[in-house]
Amino acid sequence: MKIDFLLGQVNSVLQTQTRYSCDIYITFDAIDNGANQYDVDLPPRFVNNTNLSSRVGRLNLDWTDPDQSSRHENEAFQHAMMIAGKEFTESIQFHAKSWLPARSVVMQCLLAREEVDPTGEIIVLTRSCPDDRSENWRVQAVAVSIENFESRKPLPSLWRGLADEELSEAAGIPGCTFVHMSGFIGGNQTYKGALSMARASLMS
């Protein structure tokens, strides 16, 4: 599918697509010029060598390759362009067909949040978007930022790592299915149970 056609699908949200495209170019340029991603001197806790820049970089001719010709180098370059172009197209397609529709659903639910709980601090998604297809209900904390795994208000520490009956007993809420070790997400068999988990988490 051509990029111009995909971009045409999101003309109503030109600002969002432009910002996303700029983020891609800024990322490529920063990595290419060795810019630090964070304003700190501490080393990262782990190294991500599976990103697009790393995958494209591994297509450079290896020094042990007996064929160091310009033709072989150009073949590697063409392969790199194909990978980068495919990833860019898939990213635009995801934002046009999945992320933007999901954003509309979330915005509607955000406006109706006080109908769920008078605090206005609990949002209930009226449909699964974009990736949760479980028949059970999920309770998920809001992250501090999109780049951070830390939650603003995680589920209670006493629940974390527990599941099923053990979790239900510890929480005093029937139907609990699990709570992640980090407390960023949990589950319940029913809407009522999930809502009770969310309210209890806010009060903890």
N, C-alpha and C. Protein backbone atom coordinates (compact mmCIF):
# COMPACT_ATOMS: atom_id res chain seq x y z
N MET A 1 0.84 -1.18 0.00
CA MET A 1 0.00 0.00 0.00
C MET A 1 0.89 1.25 0.00
N LYS A 2 0.61 2.22 -0.84
CA LYS A 2 1.47 3.37 -0.98
C LYS A 2 1.33 4.30 0.22
N ILE A 3 2.44 4.98 0.53
CA ILE A 3 2.45 5.89 1.68
C ILE A 3 1.47 7.04 1.49
N ASP A 4 1.40 7.60 0.26
CA ASP A 4 0.52 8.74 0.05
C ASP A 4 -0.94 8.37 0.27
N PHE A 5 -1.30 7.12 -0.06
CA PHE A 5 -2.67 6.66 0.18
C PHE A 5 -2.95 6.54 1.67
N LEU A 6 -1.96 6.02 2.40
CA LEU A 6 -2.12 5.86 3.84
C LEU A 6 -2.24 7.22 4.52
N LEU A 7 -1.41 8.16 4.08
CA LEU A 7 -1.48 9.50 4.67
C LEU A 7 -2.82 10.16 4.35
N GLY A 8 -3.36 9.82 3.19
CA GLY A 8 -4.66 10.37 2.83
C GLY A 8 -5.77 9.92 3.75
N GLN A 9 -5.57 8.80 4.43
CA GLN A 9 -6.59 8.28 5.33
C GLN A 9 -6.67 9.09 6.63
N VAL A 10 -5.64 9.87 6.90
CA VAL A 10 -5.60 10.58 8.17
C VAL A 10 -5.47 12.09 7.96
N ASN A 11 -6.04 12.60 6.90
CA ASN A 11 -5.95 14.03 6.62
C ASN A 11 -6.60 14.87 7.71
N SER A 12 -7.61 14.31 8.36
CA SER A 12 -8.29 15.05 9.41
C SER A 12 -7.44 15.24 10.66
N VAL A 13 -6.36 14.50 10.73
CA VAL A 13 -5.47 14.60 11.89
C VAL A 13 -4.05 14.87 11.40
N LEU A 14 -3.90 15.85 10.52
CA LEU A 14 -2.61 16.16 9.90
C LEU A 14 -1.55 16.48 10.94
N GLN A 15 -1.95 17.16 12.00
CA GLN A 15 -0.97 17.54 13.02
C GLN A 15 -0.36 16.32 13.69
N THR A 16 -1.20 15.31 13.96
CA THR A 16 -0.70 14.09 14.60
C THR A 16 0.26 13.35 13.69
N GLN A 17 -0.09 13.19 12.42
CA GLN A 17 0.77 12.44 11.51
C GLN A 17 2.07 13.19 11.26
N THR A 18 2.01 14.54 11.20
CA THR A 18 3.22 15.33 10.99
C THR A 18 4.15 15.19 12.18
N ARG A 19 3.60 15.24 13.38
CA ARG A 19 4.42 15.09 14.57
C ARG A 19 5.07 13.71 14.60
N TYR A 20 4.31 12.68 14.22
CA TYR A 20 4.86 11.32 14.22
C TYR A 20 5.99 11.21 13.20
N SER A 21 5.79 11.76 12.00
CA SER A 21 6.83 11.71 10.98
C SER A 21 8.08 12.44 11.45
N CYS A 22 7.90 13.59 12.10
CA CYS A 22 9.04 14.34 12.62
C CYS A 22 9.79 13.54 13.68
N ASP A 23 9.03 12.83 14.53
CA ASP A 23 9.67 12.01 15.55
C ASP A 23 10.57 10.95 14.93
N ILE A 24 10.10 10.35 13.83
CA ILE A 24 10.89 9.33 13.15
C ILE A 24 12.19 9.92 12.63
N TYR A 25 12.09 11.07 11.95
CA TYR A 25 13.28 11.68 11.38
C TYR A 25 14.25 12.14 12.47
N ILE A 26 13.70 12.71 13.56
CA ILE A 26 14.55 13.16 14.66
C ILE A 26 15.29 11.98 15.28
N THR A 27 14.58 10.85 15.42
CA THR A 27 15.20 9.65 15.98
C THR A 27 16.35 9.17 15.12
N PHE A 28 16.10 9.06 13.80
CA PHE A 28 17.15 8.63 12.89
C PHE A 28 18.37 9.55 12.96
N ASP A 29 18.10 10.86 12.92
CA ASP A 29 19.18 11.84 12.91
C ASP A 29 19.97 11.82 14.21
N ALA A 30 19.27 11.68 15.34
CA ALA A 30 19.95 11.68 16.64
C ALA A 30 20.85 10.46 16.79
N ILE A 31 20.35 9.29 16.37
CA ILE A 31 21.15 8.07 16.45
C ILE A 31 22.35 8.17 15.52
N ASP A 32 22.13 8.71 14.33
CA ASP A 32 23.21 8.82 13.35
C ASP A 32 24.31 9.75 13.83
N ASN A 33 23.93 10.76 14.63
CA ASN A 33 24.91 11.74 15.11
C ASN A 33 25.37 11.48 16.54
N GLY A 34 24.93 10.37 17.13
CA GLY A 34 25.40 9.99 18.46
C GLY A 34 24.85 10.85 19.58
N ALA A 35 23.65 11.42 19.43
CA ALA A 35 23.06 12.24 20.48
C ALA A 35 22.49 11.37 21.59
N ASN A 36 22.62 11.83 22.83
CA ASN A 36 22.06 11.09 23.96
C ASN A 36 20.54 11.21 23.97
N GLN A 37 19.87 10.12 24.32
CA GLN A 37 18.42 10.13 24.37
C GLN A 37 17.91 10.78 25.64
N TYR A 38 18.71 10.72 26.73
CA TYR A 38 18.29 11.27 28.02
C TYR A 38 19.31 12.30 28.50
N ASP A 39 18.85 13.27 29.24
CA ASP A 39 19.71 14.32 29.78
C ASP A 39 20.34 13.89 31.09
N VAL A 40 20.96 12.73 31.11
CA VAL A 40 21.65 12.24 32.30
C VAL A 40 22.95 11.59 31.88
N ASP A 41 23.88 11.47 32.82
CA ASP A 41 25.17 10.85 32.52
C ASP A 41 25.20 9.38 32.90
N LEU A 42 24.12 8.88 33.51
CA LEU A 42 24.10 7.50 33.93
C LEU A 42 23.97 6.56 32.73
N PRO A 43 24.61 5.42 32.76
CA PRO A 43 24.49 4.46 31.64
C PRO A 43 23.10 3.83 31.65
N PRO A 44 22.60 3.40 30.50
CA PRO A 44 21.29 2.75 30.45
C PRO A 44 21.32 1.41 31.17
N ARG A 45 20.16 1.00 31.68
CA ARG A 45 20.06 -0.29 32.37
C ARG A 45 20.14 -1.45 31.40
N PHE A 46 19.77 -1.22 30.15
CA PHE A 46 19.90 -2.25 29.12
C PHE A 46 20.11 -1.57 27.78
N VAL A 47 20.64 -2.31 26.84
CA VAL A 47 20.91 -1.78 25.51
C VAL A 47 19.92 -2.38 24.51
N ASN A 48 19.27 -1.53 23.75
CA ASN A 48 18.34 -1.99 22.73
C ASN A 48 19.07 -2.06 21.39
N ASN A 49 19.40 -3.28 20.97
CA ASN A 49 20.07 -3.45 19.68
C ASN A 49 19.17 -4.11 18.65
N THR A 50 17.86 -3.99 18.85
CA THR A 50 16.90 -4.55 17.89
C THR A 50 16.10 -3.46 17.19
N ASN A 51 16.46 -2.18 17.41
CA ASN A 51 15.72 -1.09 16.77
C ASN A 51 16.06 -1.01 15.28
N LEU A 52 15.38 -0.12 14.58
CA LEU A 52 15.55 -0.03 13.13
C LEU A 52 16.98 0.34 12.75
N SER A 53 17.57 1.29 13.47
CA SER A 53 18.93 1.70 13.15
C SER A 53 19.91 0.54 13.30
N SER A 54 19.72 -0.26 14.34
CA SER A 54 20.62 -1.40 14.55
C SER A 54 20.45 -2.44 13.46
N ARG A 55 19.21 -2.70 13.07
CA ARG A 55 18.96 -3.71 12.04
C ARG A 55 19.51 -3.26 10.68
N VAL A 56 19.34 -1.97 10.39
CA VAL A 56 19.89 -1.46 9.13
C VAL A 56 21.42 -1.47 9.18
N GLY A 57 21.98 -1.11 10.34
CA GLY A 57 23.42 -1.08 10.47
C GLY A 57 24.07 -2.44 10.25
N ARG A 58 23.38 -3.50 10.63
CA ARG A 58 23.93 -4.84 10.46
C ARG A 58 23.96 -5.29 9.01
N LEU A 59 23.36 -4.51 8.12
CA LEU A 59 23.38 -4.84 6.70
C LEU A 59 24.65 -4.35 6.00
N ASN A 60 25.44 -3.54 6.71
CA ASN A 60 26.72 -3.13 6.14
C ASN A 60 27.57 -4.37 5.84
N LEU A 61 28.36 -4.29 4.79
CA LEU A 61 29.20 -5.44 4.43
C LEU A 61 30.16 -5.78 5.56
N ASP A 62 30.21 -7.05 5.90
CA ASP A 62 31.14 -7.50 6.94
C ASP A 62 32.55 -7.51 6.38
N TRP A 63 33.50 -7.19 7.24
CA TRP A 63 34.89 -7.11 6.77
C TRP A 63 35.41 -8.46 6.30
N THR A 64 34.74 -9.54 6.75
CA THR A 64 35.17 -10.88 6.33
C THR A 64 34.53 -11.30 5.01
N ASP A 65 33.60 -10.50 4.50
CA ASP A 65 32.94 -10.84 3.24
C ASP A 65 33.94 -10.71 2.09
N PRO A 66 34.16 -11.77 1.32
CA PRO A 66 35.15 -11.70 0.23
C PRO A 66 34.75 -10.75 -0.89
N ASP A 67 33.43 -10.45 -0.99
CA ASP A 67 32.96 -9.56 -2.04
C ASP A 67 32.75 -8.16 -1.46
N GLN A 68 33.70 -7.28 -1.64
CA GLN A 68 33.61 -5.91 -1.15
C GLN A 68 33.34 -4.92 -2.29
N SER A 69 32.74 -5.42 -3.34
CA SER A 69 32.51 -4.59 -4.52
C SER A 69 31.40 -3.57 -4.29
N SER A 70 31.38 -2.53 -5.14
CA SER A 70 30.34 -1.52 -5.08
C SER A 70 28.97 -2.12 -5.37
N ARG A 71 28.96 -3.11 -6.27
CA ARG A 71 27.70 -3.77 -6.59
C ARG A 71 27.11 -4.45 -5.37
N HIS A 72 27.93 -5.18 -4.63
CA HIS A 72 27.47 -5.86 -3.42
C HIS A 72 27.03 -4.85 -2.36
N GLU A 73 27.77 -3.77 -2.24
CA GLU A 73 27.41 -2.72 -1.27
C GLU A 73 26.08 -2.08 -1.63
N ASN A 74 25.86 -1.87 -2.93
CA ASN A 74 24.61 -1.28 -3.37
C ASN A 74 23.43 -2.22 -3.12
N GLU A 75 23.64 -3.52 -3.26
CA GLU A 75 22.59 -4.49 -2.94
C GLU A 75 22.20 -4.41 -1.48
N ALA A 76 23.21 -4.28 -0.61
CA ALA A 76 22.95 -4.15 0.82
C ALA A 76 22.19 -2.86 1.11
N PHE A 77 22.53 -1.78 0.40
CA PHE A 77 21.86 -0.50 0.58
C PHE A 77 20.39 -0.59 0.15
N GLN A 78 20.15 -1.26 -0.97
CA GLN A 78 18.78 -1.44 -1.45
C GLN A 78 17.96 -2.24 -0.43
N HIS A 79 18.57 -3.25 0.17
CA HIS A 79 17.91 -4.04 1.20
C HIS A 79 17.57 -3.16 2.40
N ALA A 80 18.50 -2.30 2.79
CA ALA A 80 18.27 -1.40 3.92
C ALA A 80 17.11 -0.45 3.63
N MET A 81 17.05 0.08 2.42
CA MET A 81 15.95 0.99 2.05
C MET A 81 14.61 0.26 2.11
N MET A 82 14.58 -0.99 1.66
CA MET A 82 13.35 -1.77 1.69
C MET A 82 12.86 -1.96 3.12
N ILE A 83 13.78 -2.30 4.04
CA ILE A 83 13.41 -2.51 5.45
C ILE A 83 12.90 -1.22 6.07
N ALA A 84 13.62 -0.11 5.86
CA ALA A 84 13.23 1.17 6.44
C ALA A 84 11.90 1.65 5.88
N GLY A 85 11.73 1.51 4.57
CA GLY A 85 10.48 1.94 3.95
C GLY A 85 9.29 1.12 4.41
N LYS A 86 9.50 -0.19 4.54
CA LYS A 86 8.42 -1.07 4.99
C LYS A 86 8.02 -0.72 6.43
N GLU A 87 9.01 -0.46 7.29
CA GLU A 87 8.69 -0.13 8.67
C GLU A 87 7.96 1.20 8.77
N PHE A 88 8.39 2.19 7.98
CA PHE A 88 7.72 3.49 7.99
C PHE A 88 6.28 3.35 7.52
N THR A 89 6.07 2.60 6.43
CA THR A 89 4.72 2.40 5.91
C THR A 89 3.83 1.68 6.92
N GLU A 90 4.37 0.64 7.57
CA GLU A 90 3.60 -0.09 8.57
C GLU A 90 3.25 0.79 9.76
N SER A 91 4.16 1.68 10.12
CA SER A 91 3.90 2.58 11.25
C SER A 91 2.78 3.55 10.93
N ILE A 92 2.81 4.12 9.73
CA ILE A 92 1.74 5.03 9.30
C ILE A 92 0.41 4.29 9.23
N GLN A 93 0.46 3.05 8.71
CA GLN A 93 -0.76 2.25 8.60
C GLN A 93 -1.35 1.97 9.98
N PHE A 94 -0.48 1.64 10.96
CA PHE A 94 -0.95 1.40 12.33
C PHE A 94 -1.62 2.63 12.90
N HIS A 95 -1.01 3.80 12.71
CA HIS A 95 -1.59 5.02 13.27
C HIS A 95 -2.91 5.38 12.59
N ALA A 96 -2.99 5.14 11.28
CA ALA A 96 -4.20 5.49 10.54
C ALA A 96 -5.36 4.54 10.85
N LYS A 97 -5.07 3.25 10.94
CA LYS A 97 -6.13 2.25 11.05
C LYS A 97 -6.42 1.81 12.48
N SER A 98 -5.46 2.01 13.40
CA SER A 98 -5.64 1.49 14.75
C SER A 98 -5.52 2.57 15.82
N TRP A 99 -4.38 3.27 15.85
CA TRP A 99 -4.12 4.22 16.93
C TRP A 99 -5.12 5.38 16.93
N LEU A 100 -5.37 5.98 15.78
CA LEU A 100 -6.28 7.12 15.72
C LEU A 100 -7.72 6.74 16.06
N PRO A 101 -8.27 5.63 15.53
CA PRO A 101 -9.61 5.23 15.96
C PRO A 101 -9.67 4.92 17.46
N ALA A 102 -8.61 4.29 17.98
CA ALA A 102 -8.57 4.00 19.42
C ALA A 102 -8.54 5.29 20.23
N ARG A 103 -7.84 6.28 19.75
CA ARG A 103 -7.77 7.56 20.43
C ARG A 103 -9.15 8.19 20.56
N SER A 104 -9.97 8.06 19.51
CA SER A 104 -11.32 8.61 19.56
C SER A 104 -12.16 7.91 20.62
N VAL A 105 -12.02 6.59 20.71
CA VAL A 105 -12.74 5.83 21.73
C VAL A 105 -12.32 6.27 23.13
N VAL A 106 -11.02 6.41 23.33
CA VAL A 106 -10.50 6.81 24.64
C VAL A 106 -10.99 8.20 25.02
N MET A 107 -11.01 9.12 24.06
CA MET A 107 -11.47 10.48 24.33
C MET A 107 -12.93 10.50 24.76
N GLN A 108 -13.76 9.69 24.11
CA GLN A 108 -15.18 9.62 24.49
C GLN A 108 -15.34 9.07 25.91
N CYS A 109 -14.55 8.03 26.22
CA CYS A 109 -14.62 7.44 27.55
C CYS A 109 -14.07 8.39 28.61
N LEU A 110 -13.09 9.18 28.23
CA LEU A 110 -12.53 10.16 29.15
C LEU A 110 -13.57 11.20 29.53
N LEU A 111 -14.36 11.64 28.58
CA LEU A 111 -15.41 12.62 28.85
C LEU A 111 -16.51 12.05 29.74
N ALA A 112 -16.69 10.71 29.68
CA ALA A 112 -17.75 10.07 30.47
C ALA A 112 -17.24 9.47 31.78
N ARG A 113 -16.02 9.81 32.19
CA ARG A 113 -15.39 9.14 33.34
C ARG A 113 -16.12 9.38 34.65
N GLU A 114 -16.74 10.54 34.83
CA GLU A 114 -17.42 10.82 36.10
C GLU A 114 -18.72 10.03 36.23
N GLU A 115 -19.20 9.46 35.13
CA GLU A 115 -20.36 8.58 35.19
C GLU A 115 -19.97 7.22 35.75
N VAL A 116 -18.69 6.89 35.68
CA VAL A 116 -18.16 5.62 36.20
C VAL A 116 -17.85 5.72 37.68
N ASP A 117 -17.16 6.79 38.04
CA ASP A 117 -16.78 7.03 39.43
C ASP A 117 -16.75 8.54 39.67
N PRO A 118 -17.33 9.02 40.78
CA PRO A 118 -17.42 10.46 41.02
C PRO A 118 -16.06 11.16 41.12
N THR A 119 -14.99 10.40 41.38
CA THR A 119 -13.67 11.01 41.46
C THR A 119 -13.17 11.45 40.09
N GLY A 120 -13.70 10.83 39.04
CA GLY A 120 -13.23 11.13 37.70
C GLY A 120 -11.85 10.55 37.41
N GLU A 121 -11.39 9.66 38.28
CA GLU A 121 -10.04 9.09 38.14
C GLU A 121 -10.04 7.69 37.55
N ILE A 122 -11.21 7.19 37.17
CA ILE A 122 -11.32 5.86 36.57
C ILE A 122 -12.00 5.99 35.21
N ILE A 123 -11.35 5.45 34.20
CA ILE A 123 -11.91 5.45 32.85
C ILE A 123 -12.24 4.02 32.45
N VAL A 124 -13.41 3.80 31.92
CA VAL A 124 -13.81 2.48 31.44
C VAL A 124 -13.91 2.52 29.91
N LEU A 125 -13.11 1.71 29.25
CA LEU A 125 -13.18 1.63 27.80
C LEU A 125 -14.39 0.81 27.40
N THR A 126 -15.21 1.37 26.53
CA THR A 126 -16.45 0.71 26.12
C THR A 126 -16.20 -0.41 25.12
N ARG A 127 -14.99 -0.48 24.58
CA ARG A 127 -14.62 -1.56 23.67
C ARG A 127 -13.13 -1.79 23.77
N SER A 128 -12.68 -2.98 23.37
CA SER A 128 -11.27 -3.31 23.44
C SER A 128 -10.50 -2.57 22.34
N CYS A 129 -9.55 -1.75 22.76
CA CYS A 129 -8.76 -1.03 21.77
C CYS A 129 -7.43 -0.62 22.39
N PRO A 130 -6.32 -0.81 21.72
CA PRO A 130 -6.30 -1.51 20.43
C PRO A 130 -5.94 -2.98 20.52
N ASP A 131 -5.52 -3.47 21.74
CA ASP A 131 -4.88 -4.79 21.73
C ASP A 131 -5.40 -5.80 22.75
N ASP A 132 -6.35 -5.43 23.58
CA ASP A 132 -6.82 -6.36 24.62
C ASP A 132 -8.05 -7.11 24.13
N ARG A 133 -7.92 -8.40 23.87
CA ARG A 133 -9.04 -9.20 23.37
C ARG A 133 -9.52 -10.23 24.39
N SER A 134 -9.12 -10.07 25.63
CA SER A 134 -9.50 -11.01 26.67
C SER A 134 -10.98 -10.88 27.00
N GLU A 135 -11.59 -11.99 27.38
CA GLU A 135 -12.99 -11.97 27.78
C GLU A 135 -13.15 -11.41 29.19
N ASN A 136 -12.06 -11.41 29.96
CA ASN A 136 -12.10 -10.85 31.30
C ASN A 136 -11.88 -9.33 31.24
N TRP A 137 -12.08 -8.68 32.38
CA TRP A 137 -11.86 -7.25 32.48
C TRP A 137 -10.45 -6.97 32.98
N ARG A 138 -9.86 -5.90 32.49
CA ARG A 138 -8.52 -5.51 32.89
C ARG A 138 -8.56 -4.21 33.69
N VAL A 139 -7.65 -4.10 34.64
CA VAL A 139 -7.45 -2.86 35.40
C VAL A 139 -6.01 -2.44 35.14
N GLN A 140 -5.84 -1.29 34.52
CA GLN A 140 -4.49 -0.86 34.16
C GLN A 140 -4.22 0.54 34.67
N ALA A 141 -3.07 0.70 35.33
CA ALA A 141 -2.68 2.00 35.85
C ALA A 141 -2.13 2.87 34.72
N VAL A 142 -2.20 4.17 34.91
CA VAL A 142 -1.67 5.12 33.94
C VAL A 142 -0.18 5.30 34.19
N ALA A 143 0.61 5.26 33.14
CA ALA A 143 2.06 5.41 33.28
C ALA A 143 2.44 6.86 33.56
N VAL A 144 3.58 7.06 34.21
CA VAL A 144 4.08 8.40 34.48
C VAL A 144 4.31 9.14 33.16
N SER A 145 4.84 8.44 32.17
CA SER A 145 5.02 8.99 30.83
C SER A 145 5.02 7.83 29.85
N ILE A 146 4.90 8.14 28.57
CA ILE A 146 4.81 7.09 27.57
C ILE A 146 6.11 6.31 27.46
N GLU A 147 7.23 6.91 27.86
CA GLU A 147 8.52 6.22 27.78
C GLU A 147 8.87 5.50 29.07
N ASN A 148 7.99 5.57 30.09
CA ASN A 148 8.33 5.07 31.41
C ASN A 148 7.40 3.94 31.81
N PHE A 149 7.96 2.88 32.43
CA PHE A 149 7.13 1.78 32.91
C PHE A 149 6.53 2.07 34.28
N GLU A 150 7.01 3.11 34.93
CA GLU A 150 6.51 3.44 36.27
C GLU A 150 5.08 3.94 36.19
N SER A 151 4.22 3.48 37.10
CA SER A 151 2.81 3.88 37.11
C SER A 151 2.58 5.03 38.08
N ARG A 152 1.63 5.88 37.74
CA ARG A 152 1.27 6.97 38.64
C ARG A 152 0.67 6.43 39.95
N LYS A 153 -0.19 5.44 39.81
CA LYS A 153 -0.83 4.82 40.96
C LYS A 153 -0.99 3.33 40.69
N PRO A 154 0.04 2.55 40.97
CA PRO A 154 -0.02 1.11 40.68
C PRO A 154 -0.99 0.38 41.59
N LEU A 155 -1.35 -0.82 41.22
CA LEU A 155 -2.19 -1.65 42.07
C LEU A 155 -1.43 -1.97 43.36
N PRO A 156 -2.16 -2.21 44.47
CA PRO A 156 -1.52 -2.41 45.78
C PRO A 156 -0.41 -3.46 45.77
N SER A 157 0.64 -3.17 46.52
CA SER A 157 1.81 -4.07 46.56
C SER A 157 1.45 -5.45 47.09
N LEU A 158 0.48 -5.54 47.99
CA LEU A 158 0.09 -6.83 48.56
C LEU A 158 -0.59 -7.73 47.53
N TRP A 159 -1.06 -7.17 46.45
CA TRP A 159 -1.72 -7.96 45.40
C TRP A 159 -0.74 -8.47 44.35
N ARG A 160 0.38 -7.84 44.20
CA ARG A 160 1.27 -8.08 43.07
C ARG A 160 1.86 -9.49 43.07
N GLY A 161 1.78 -10.10 41.91
CA GLY A 161 2.29 -11.46 41.76
C GLY A 161 1.30 -12.54 42.16
N LEU A 162 0.13 -12.14 42.68
CA LEU A 162 -0.88 -13.12 43.09
C LEU A 162 -1.86 -13.38 41.95
N ALA A 163 -2.63 -14.47 42.06
CA ALA A 163 -3.60 -14.80 41.02
C ALA A 163 -4.75 -15.60 41.62
N ASP A 164 -5.87 -15.53 40.91
CA ASP A 164 -7.06 -16.34 41.20
C ASP A 164 -7.51 -16.27 42.66
N GLU A 165 -7.73 -17.41 43.30
CA GLU A 165 -8.31 -17.41 44.64
C GLU A 165 -7.43 -16.71 45.66
N GLU A 166 -6.13 -16.90 45.55
CA GLU A 166 -5.20 -16.26 46.48
C GLU A 166 -5.31 -14.74 46.38
N LEU A 167 -5.41 -14.24 45.17
CA LEU A 167 -5.54 -12.80 44.95
C LEU A 167 -6.90 -12.30 45.43
N SER A 168 -7.95 -13.03 45.12
CA SER A 168 -9.29 -12.63 45.54
C SER A 168 -9.38 -12.53 47.06
N GLU A 169 -8.74 -13.48 47.74
CA GLU A 169 -8.76 -13.46 49.20
C GLU A 169 -7.96 -12.28 49.75
N ALA A 170 -6.81 -12.02 49.16
CA ALA A 170 -5.98 -10.91 49.63
C ALA A 170 -6.64 -9.55 49.37
N ALA A 171 -7.35 -9.45 48.25
CA ALA A 171 -8.00 -8.19 47.91
C ALA A 171 -9.37 -8.03 48.53
N GLY A 172 -9.98 -9.16 48.91
CA GLY A 172 -11.35 -9.10 49.42
C GLY A 172 -12.34 -8.81 48.32
N ILE A 173 -11.96 -9.18 47.09
CA ILE A 173 -12.79 -8.93 45.91
C ILE A 173 -12.91 -10.22 45.12
N PRO A 174 -14.11 -10.75 44.92
CA PRO A 174 -14.26 -12.02 44.18
C PRO A 174 -13.94 -11.86 42.70
N GLY A 175 -13.50 -12.96 42.09
CA GLY A 175 -13.30 -12.98 40.65
C GLY A 175 -11.98 -12.44 40.16
N CYS A 176 -11.05 -12.12 41.05
CA CYS A 176 -9.75 -11.61 40.61
C CYS A 176 -8.99 -12.71 39.86
N THR A 177 -8.27 -12.34 38.83
CA THR A 177 -7.53 -13.32 38.03
C THR A 177 -6.01 -13.17 38.15
N PHE A 178 -5.51 -11.95 38.21
CA PHE A 178 -4.06 -11.76 38.36
C PHE A 178 -3.76 -10.29 38.62
N VAL A 179 -2.55 -10.05 39.14
CA VAL A 179 -1.96 -8.71 39.19
C VAL A 179 -0.48 -8.87 38.86
N HIS A 180 0.00 -8.08 37.94
CA HIS A 180 1.40 -8.15 37.51
C HIS A 180 2.34 -7.80 38.66
N MET A 181 3.55 -8.34 38.60
CA MET A 181 4.52 -8.10 39.67
C MET A 181 4.84 -6.62 39.85
N SER A 182 4.75 -5.84 38.80
CA SER A 182 5.04 -4.41 38.90
C SER A 182 3.83 -3.61 39.33
N GLY A 183 2.65 -4.24 39.28
CA GLY A 183 1.43 -3.55 39.70
C GLY A 183 0.82 -2.65 38.65
N PHE A 184 1.30 -2.74 37.41
CA PHE A 184 0.75 -1.83 36.40
C PHE A 184 -0.56 -2.34 35.80
N ILE A 185 -0.86 -3.64 35.97
CA ILE A 185 -2.07 -4.18 35.39
C ILE A 185 -2.56 -5.37 36.21
N GLY A 186 -3.87 -5.57 36.19
CA GLY A 186 -4.48 -6.71 36.86
C GLY A 186 -5.75 -7.10 36.12
N GLY A 187 -6.44 -8.11 36.61
CA GLY A 187 -7.64 -8.55 35.92
C GLY A 187 -8.69 -9.11 36.85
N ASN A 188 -9.91 -9.13 36.35
CA ASN A 188 -11.04 -9.70 37.09
C ASN A 188 -12.02 -10.28 36.09
N GLN A 189 -12.79 -11.26 36.54
CA GLN A 189 -13.73 -11.93 35.65
C GLN A 189 -14.92 -11.06 35.29
N THR A 190 -15.21 -10.05 36.12
CA THR A 190 -16.40 -9.23 35.89
C THR A 190 -16.07 -7.75 35.90
N TYR A 191 -16.98 -6.97 35.31
CA TYR A 191 -16.82 -5.50 35.34
C TYR A 191 -16.89 -4.98 36.77
N LYS A 192 -17.84 -5.50 37.55
CA LYS A 192 -17.99 -5.06 38.94
C LYS A 192 -16.73 -5.32 39.74
N GLY A 193 -16.14 -6.49 39.53
CA GLY A 193 -14.91 -6.83 40.25
C GLY A 193 -13.75 -5.95 39.83
N ALA A 194 -13.63 -5.69 38.54
CA ALA A 194 -12.54 -4.83 38.05
C ALA A 194 -12.69 -3.41 38.58
N LEU A 195 -13.92 -2.91 38.62
CA LEU A 195 -14.16 -1.58 39.14
C LEU A 195 -13.81 -1.50 40.62
N SER A 196 -14.13 -2.56 41.36
CA SER A 196 -13.79 -2.60 42.78
C SER A 196 -12.27 -2.60 42.96
N MET A 197 -11.56 -3.31 42.11
CA MET A 197 -10.10 -3.33 42.17
C MET A 197 -9.54 -1.93 41.91
N ALA A 198 -10.10 -1.25 40.93
CA ALA A 198 -9.64 0.09 40.59
C ALA A 198 -9.88 1.06 41.74
N ARG A 199 -11.05 1.00 42.33
CA ARG A 199 -11.37 1.90 43.44
C ARG A 199 -10.50 1.61 44.65
N ALA A 200 -10.28 0.33 44.94
CA ALA A 200 -9.42 -0.03 46.08
C ALA A 200 -7.98 0.43 45.84
N SER A 201 -7.53 0.37 44.59
CA SER A 201 -6.16 0.80 44.28
C SER A 201 -5.99 2.30 44.48
N LEU A 202 -7.02 3.07 44.12
CA LEU A 202 -6.95 4.51 44.31
C LEU A 202 -6.88 4.89 45.79
N MET A 203 -7.50 4.08 46.62
CA MET A 203 -7.56 4.38 48.06
C MET A 203 -6.37 3.85 48.82
N SER A 204 -5.56 3.01 48.18
CA SER A 204 -4.43 2.38 48.90
C SER A 204 -3.25 3.34 49.06
